[in-house]
Amino acid sequence: VEEVFDGYAVPATGPLEERWVPPD
């Protein structure tokens, strides 16, 4: 995210946006 996107991104742990992601 920092080196490729210059910080203009967030790391992803899965394919869904945050509102669907469980806390774990």
PDB file of all heavy atoms in Angstrom:
ATOM      1  N   VAL A   1       0.837  -1.207   0.000  1.00  0.00           N
ATOM      2  CA  VAL A   1       0.000   0.000   0.000  1.00  0.00           C
ATOM      3  C   VAL A   1       0.866   1.250   0.000  1.00  0.00           C
ATOM      4  O   VAL A   1       0.581   2.224  -0.722  1.00  0.00           O
ATOM      5  CB  VAL A   1      -0.957  -0.013   1.210  1.00  0.00           C
ATOM      6  CG1 VAL A   1      -1.540   1.372   1.461  1.00  0.00           C
ATOM      7  CG2 VAL A   1      -2.078  -1.022   0.988  1.00  0.00           C
ATOM      8  N   GLU A   2       1.936   1.235   0.772  1.00  0.00           N
ATOM      9  CA  GLU A   2       2.789   2.414   0.862  1.00  0.00           C
ATOM     10  C   GLU A   2       3.661   2.587  -0.379  1.00  0.00           C
ATOM     11  O   GLU A   2       3.808   3.711  -0.884  1.00  0.00           O
ATOM     12  CB  GLU A   2       3.678   2.323   2.108  1.00  0.00           C
ATOM     13  CG  GLU A   2       2.910   2.415   3.417  1.00  0.00           C
ATOM     14  CD  GLU A   2       2.096   3.693   3.530  1.00  0.00           C
ATOM     15  OE1 GLU A   2       2.610   4.768   3.126  1.00  0.00           O
ATOM     16  OE2 GLU A   2       0.946   3.623   3.994  1.00  0.00           O
ATOM     17  N   GLU A   3       4.247   1.511  -0.860  1.00  0.00           N
ATOM     18  CA  GLU A   3       5.234   1.617  -1.931  1.00  0.00           C
ATOM     19  C   GLU A   3       4.614   1.586  -3.330  1.00  0.00           C
ATOM     20  O   GLU A   3       5.081   2.277  -4.234  1.00  0.00           O
ATOM     21  CB  GLU A   3       6.266   0.487  -1.798  1.00  0.00           C
ATOM     22  CG  GLU A   3       7.046   0.516  -0.501  1.00  0.00           C
ATOM     23  CD  GLU A   3       7.943   1.736  -0.390  1.00  0.00           C
ATOM     24  OE1 GLU A   3       8.227   2.371  -1.420  1.00  0.00           O
ATOM     25  OE2 GLU A   3       8.355   2.059   0.734  1.00  0.00           O
ATOM     26  N   VAL A   4       3.582   0.765  -3.533  1.00  0.00           N
ATOM     27  CA  VAL A   4       2.961   0.654  -4.856  1.00  0.00           C
ATOM     28  C   VAL A   4       1.887   1.716  -5.047  1.00  0.00           C
ATOM     29  O   VAL A   4       1.805   2.348  -6.102  1.00  0.00           O
ATOM     30  CB  VAL A   4       2.367  -0.758  -5.059  1.00  0.00           C
ATOM     31  CG1 VAL A   4       1.547  -0.827  -6.344  1.00  0.00           C
ATOM     32  CG2 VAL A   4       3.480  -1.808  -5.085  1.00  0.00           C
ATOM     33  N   PHE A   5       1.069   1.931  -4.009  1.00  0.00           N
ATOM     34  CA  PHE A   5      -0.067   2.844  -4.128  1.00  0.00           C
ATOM     35  C   PHE A   5       0.210   4.219  -3.503  1.00  0.00           C
ATOM     36  O   PHE A   5      -0.707   5.043  -3.435  1.00  0.00           O
ATOM     37  CB  PHE A   5      -1.308   2.235  -3.468  1.00  0.00           C
ATOM     38  CG  PHE A   5      -1.830   1.002  -4.149  1.00  0.00           C
ATOM     39  CD1 PHE A   5      -1.419  -0.254  -3.737  1.00  0.00           C
ATOM     40  CD2 PHE A   5      -2.719   1.094  -5.202  1.00  0.00           C
ATOM     41  CE1 PHE A   5      -1.899  -1.399  -4.357  1.00  0.00           C
ATOM     42  CE2 PHE A   5      -3.208  -0.042  -5.826  1.00  0.00           C
ATOM     43  CZ  PHE A   5      -2.793  -1.299  -5.404  1.00  0.00           C
ATOM     44  N   ASP A   6       1.417   4.441  -3.022  1.00  0.00           N
ATOM     45  CA  ASP A   6       1.750   5.710  -2.363  1.00  0.00           C
ATOM     46  C   ASP A   6       0.798   6.037  -1.231  1.00  0.00           C
ATOM     47  O   ASP A   6       0.497   7.206  -0.958  1.00  0.00           O
ATOM     48  CB  ASP A   6       1.756   6.862  -3.375  1.00  0.00           C
ATOM     49  CG  ASP A   6       2.903   6.753  -4.362  1.00  0.00           C
ATOM     50  OD1 ASP A   6       3.941   6.177  -3.993  1.00  0.00           O
ATOM     51  OD2 ASP A   6       2.755   7.246  -5.502  1.00  0.00           O
ATOM     52  N   GLY A   7       0.274   5.009  -0.574  1.00  0.00           N
ATOM     53  CA  GLY A   7      -0.643   5.204   0.532  1.00  0.00           C
ATOM     54  C   GLY A   7      -2.088   5.396   0.121  1.00  0.00           C
ATOM     55  O   GLY A   7      -2.974   5.453   0.987  1.00  0.00           O
ATOM     56  N   TYR A   8      -2.371   5.462  -1.177  1.00  0.00           N
ATOM     57  CA  TYR A   8      -3.738   5.661  -1.653  1.00  0.00           C
ATOM     58  C   TYR A   8      -4.460   4.321  -1.793  1.00  0.00           C
ATOM     59  O   TYR A   8      -4.941   3.943  -2.863  1.00  0.00           O
ATOM     60  CB  TYR A   8      -3.741   6.396  -2.997  1.00  0.00           C
ATOM     61  CG  TYR A   8      -3.384   7.857  -2.920  1.00  0.00           C
ATOM     62  CD1 TYR A   8      -2.072   8.274  -3.116  1.00  0.00           C
ATOM     63  CD2 TYR A   8      -4.344   8.825  -2.642  1.00  0.00           C
ATOM     64  CE1 TYR A   8      -1.727   9.616  -3.052  1.00  0.00           C
ATOM     65  CE2 TYR A   8      -4.015  10.164  -2.575  1.00  0.00           C
ATOM     66  CZ  TYR A   8      -2.707  10.560  -2.772  1.00  0.00           C
ATOM     67  OH  TYR A   8      -2.368  11.892  -2.700  1.00  0.00           O
ATOM     68  N   ALA A   9      -4.551   3.575  -0.717  1.00  0.00           N
ATOM     69  CA  ALA A   9      -5.214   2.271  -0.705  1.00  0.00           C
ATOM     70  C   ALA A   9      -5.255   1.782   0.736  1.00  0.00           C
ATOM     71  O   ALA A   9      -4.611   2.349   1.626  1.00  0.00           O
ATOM     72  CB  ALA A   9      -4.464   1.272  -1.586  1.00  0.00           C
ATOM     73  N   VAL A  10      -6.021   0.722   0.976  1.00  0.00           N
ATOM     74  CA  VAL A  10      -6.009   0.040   2.277  1.00  0.00           C
ATOM     75  C   VAL A  10      -5.793  -1.442   2.028  1.00  0.00           C
ATOM     76  O   VAL A  10      -6.312  -2.012   1.065  1.00  0.00           O
ATOM     77  CB  VAL A  10      -7.319   0.259   3.064  1.00  0.00           C
ATOM     78  CG1 VAL A  10      -7.478   1.702   3.479  1.00  0.00           C
ATOM     79  CG2 VAL A  10      -8.532  -0.210   2.270  1.00  0.00           C
ATOM     80  N   PRO A  11      -5.011  -2.117   2.890  1.00  0.00           N
ATOM     81  CA  PRO A  11      -4.817  -3.561   2.726  1.00  0.00           C
ATOM     82  C   PRO A  11      -6.137  -4.305   2.866  1.00  0.00           C
ATOM     83  O   PRO A  11      -7.025  -3.897   3.620  1.00  0.00           O
ATOM     84  CB  PRO A  11      -3.854  -3.918   3.871  1.00  0.00           C
ATOM     85  CG  PRO A  11      -3.220  -2.622   4.265  1.00  0.00           C
ATOM     86  CD  PRO A  11      -4.257  -1.570   4.025  1.00  0.00           C
ATOM     87  N   ALA A  12      -6.260  -5.397   2.141  1.00  0.00           N
ATOM     88  CA  ALA A  12      -7.493  -6.179   2.154  1.00  0.00           C
ATOM     89  C   ALA A  12      -7.217  -7.585   2.663  1.00  0.00           C
ATOM     90  O   ALA A  12      -6.230  -8.217   2.275  1.00  0.00           O
ATOM     91  CB  ALA A  12      -8.092  -6.252   0.750  1.00  0.00           C
ATOM     92  N   THR A  13      -8.084  -8.065   3.527  1.00  0.00           N
ATOM     93  CA  THR A  13      -7.987  -9.446   4.002  1.00  0.00           C
ATOM     94  C   THR A  13      -8.990 -10.353   3.302  1.00  0.00           C
ATOM     95  O   THR A  13      -8.982 -11.566   3.505  1.00  0.00           O
ATOM     96  CB  THR A  13      -8.228  -9.522   5.516  1.00  0.00           C
ATOM     97  OG1 THR A  13      -9.560  -9.057   5.808  1.00  0.00           O
ATOM     98  CG2 THR A  13      -7.228  -8.653   6.259  1.00  0.00           C
ATOM     99  N   GLY A  14      -9.856  -9.758   2.490  1.00  0.00           N
ATOM    100  CA  GLY A  14     -10.860 -10.521   1.760  1.00  0.00           C
ATOM    101  C   GLY A  14     -11.512  -9.641   0.717  1.00  0.00           C
ATOM    102  O   GLY A  14     -11.170  -8.455   0.583  1.00  0.00           O
ATOM    103  N   PRO A  15     -12.482 -10.185  -0.034  1.00  0.00           N
ATOM    104  CA  PRO A  15     -13.040  -9.456  -1.176  1.00  0.00           C
ATOM    105  C   PRO A  15     -14.161  -8.479  -0.861  1.00  0.00           C
ATOM    106  O   PRO A  15     -14.583  -7.744  -1.750  1.00  0.00           O
ATOM    107  CB  PRO A  15     -13.572 -10.594  -2.055  1.00  0.00           C
ATOM    108  CG  PRO A  15     -13.946 -11.671  -1.080  1.00  0.00           C
ATOM    109  CD  PRO A  15     -12.936 -11.589   0.017  1.00  0.00           C
ATOM    110  N   LEU A  16     -14.663  -8.437   0.374  1.00  0.00           N
ATOM    111  CA  LEU A  16     -15.813  -7.591   0.692  1.00  0.00           C
ATOM    112  C   LEU A  16     -15.370  -6.318   1.405  1.00  0.00           C
ATOM    113  O   LEU A  16     -14.362  -6.300   2.119  1.00  0.00           O
ATOM    114  CB  LEU A  16     -16.816  -8.348   1.565  1.00  0.00           C
ATOM    115  CG  LEU A  16     -17.453  -9.587   0.935  1.00  0.00           C
ATOM    116  CD1 LEU A  16     -18.417 -10.248   1.922  1.00  0.00           C
ATOM    117  CD2 LEU A  16     -18.173  -9.242  -0.361  1.00  0.00           C
ATOM    118  N   GLU A  17     -16.157  -5.250   1.222  1.00  0.00           N
ATOM    119  CA  GLU A  17     -15.838  -4.003   1.906  1.00  0.00           C
ATOM    120  C   GLU A  17     -16.058  -4.156   3.405  1.00  0.00           C
ATOM    121  O   GLU A  17     -16.721  -5.082   3.879  1.00  0.00           O
ATOM    122  CB  GLU A  17     -16.671  -2.861   1.335  1.00  0.00           C
ATOM    123  CG  GLU A  17     -18.170  -3.016   1.458  1.00  0.00           C
ATOM    124  CD  GLU A  17     -18.910  -1.902   0.737  1.00  0.00           C
ATOM    125  OE1 GLU A  17     -18.257  -0.950   0.274  1.00  0.00           O
ATOM    126  OE2 GLU A  17     -20.146  -1.975   0.642  1.00  0.00           O
ATOM    127  N   GLU A  18     -15.515  -3.208   4.156  1.00  0.00           N
ATOM    128  CA  GLU A  18     -15.347  -3.372   5.602  1.00  0.00           C
ATOM    129  C   GLU A  18     -16.639  -3.661   6.342  1.00  0.00           C
ATOM    130  O   GLU A  18     -16.643  -4.407   7.326  1.00  0.00           O
ATOM    131  CB  GLU A  18     -14.680  -2.122   6.188  1.00  0.00           C
ATOM    132  CG  GLU A  18     -14.312  -2.263   7.647  1.00  0.00           C
ATOM    133  CD  GLU A  18     -13.536  -1.068   8.167  1.00  0.00           C
ATOM    134  OE1 GLU A  18     -13.225  -0.166   7.360  1.00  0.00           O
ATOM    135  OE2 GLU A  18     -13.243  -1.035   9.371  1.00  0.00           O
ATOM    136  N   ARG A  19     -17.751  -3.122   5.910  1.00  0.00           N
ATOM    137  CA  ARG A  19     -18.988  -3.297   6.676  1.00  0.00           C
ATOM    138  C   ARG A  19     -19.439  -4.747   6.745  1.00  0.00           C
ATOM    139  O   ARG A  19     -20.255  -5.115   7.586  1.00  0.00           O
ATOM    140  CB  ARG A  19     -20.106  -2.424   6.102  1.00  0.00           C
ATOM    141  CG  ARG A  19     -20.568  -2.787   4.702  1.00  0.00           C
ATOM    142  CD  ARG A  19     -21.461  -1.704   4.128  1.00  0.00           C
ATOM    143  NE  ARG A  19     -21.875  -1.966   2.773  1.00  0.00           N
ATOM    144  CZ  ARG A  19     -23.066  -2.454   2.432  1.00  0.00           C
ATOM    145  NH1 ARG A  19     -23.960  -2.718   3.368  1.00  0.00           N
ATOM    146  NH2 ARG A  19     -23.375  -2.644   1.164  1.00  0.00           N
ATOM    147  N   TRP A  20     -18.915  -5.597   5.845  1.00  0.00           N
ATOM    148  CA  TRP A  20     -19.274  -7.015   5.852  1.00  0.00           C
ATOM    149  C   TRP A  20     -18.228  -7.890   6.555  1.00  0.00           C
ATOM    150  O   TRP A  20     -18.446  -9.084   6.735  1.00  0.00           O
ATOM    151  CB  TRP A  20     -19.448  -7.518   4.427  1.00  0.00           C
ATOM    152  CG  TRP A  20     -20.623  -6.950   3.697  1.00  0.00           C
ATOM    153  CD1 TRP A  20     -20.612  -5.992   2.734  1.00  0.00           C
ATOM    154  CD2 TRP A  20     -21.998  -7.314   3.874  1.00  0.00           C
ATOM    155  NE1 TRP A  20     -21.892  -5.728   2.291  1.00  0.00           N
ATOM    156  CE2 TRP A  20     -22.761  -6.529   2.976  1.00  0.00           C
ATOM    157  CE3 TRP A  20     -22.660  -8.223   4.701  1.00  0.00           C
ATOM    158  CZ2 TRP A  20     -24.140  -6.640   2.887  1.00  0.00           C
ATOM    159  CZ3 TRP A  20     -24.048  -8.332   4.616  1.00  0.00           C
ATOM    160  CH2 TRP A  20     -24.767  -7.540   3.717  1.00  0.00           C
ATOM    161  N   VAL A  21     -17.089  -7.316   6.931  1.00  0.00           N
ATOM    162  CA  VAL A  21     -15.970  -8.109   7.444  1.00  0.00           C
ATOM    163  C   VAL A  21     -16.111  -8.312   8.949  1.00  0.00           C
ATOM    164  O   VAL A  21     -16.274  -7.337   9.697  1.00  0.00           O
ATOM    165  CB  VAL A  21     -14.631  -7.416   7.131  1.00  0.00           C
ATOM    166  CG1 VAL A  21     -13.456  -8.227   7.698  1.00  0.00           C
ATOM    167  CG2 VAL A  21     -14.468  -7.235   5.628  1.00  0.00           C
ATOM    168  N   PRO A  22     -16.045  -9.560   9.456  1.00  0.00           N
ATOM    169  CA  PRO A  22     -16.125  -9.784  10.902  1.00  0.00           C
ATOM    170  C   PRO A  22     -14.863  -9.268  11.592  1.00  0.00           C
ATOM    171  O   PRO A  22     -13.781  -9.209  10.986  1.00  0.00           O
ATOM    172  CB  PRO A  22     -16.238 -11.309  11.012  1.00  0.00           C
ATOM    173  CG  PRO A  22     -15.608 -11.844   9.772  1.00  0.00           C
ATOM    174  CD  PRO A  22     -15.913 -10.823   8.705  1.00  0.00           C
ATOM    175  N   PRO A  23     -14.954  -8.889  12.875  1.00  0.00           N
ATOM    176  CA  PRO A  23     -13.806  -8.292  13.569  1.00  0.00           C
ATOM    177  C   PRO A  23     -12.547  -9.155  13.548  1.00  0.00           C
ATOM    178  O   PRO A  23     -11.437  -8.619  13.491  1.00  0.00           O
ATOM    179  CB  PRO A  23     -14.327  -8.103  15.007  1.00  0.00           C
ATOM    180  CG  PRO A  23     -15.810  -7.951  14.844  1.00  0.00           C
ATOM    181  CD  PRO A  23     -16.174  -8.863  13.711  1.00  0.00           C
ATOM    182  N   ASP A  24     -12.684 -10.464  13.578  1.00  0.00           N
ATOM    183  CA  ASP A  24     -11.498 -11.324  13.617  1.00  0.00           C
ATOM    184  C   ASP A  24     -10.743 -11.342  12.291  1.00  0.00           C
ATOM    185  O   ASP A  24      -9.628 -11.881  12.228  1.00  0.00           O
ATOM    186  CB  ASP A  24     -11.872 -12.752  14.025  1.00  0.00           C
ATOM    187  CG  ASP A  24     -12.904 -13.378  13.109  1.00  0.00           C
ATOM    188  OD1 ASP A  24     -14.006 -12.816  12.982  1.00  0.00           O
ATOM    189  OD2 ASP A  24     -12.605 -14.422  12.505  1.00  0.00           O
TER     190      ASP A  24
END
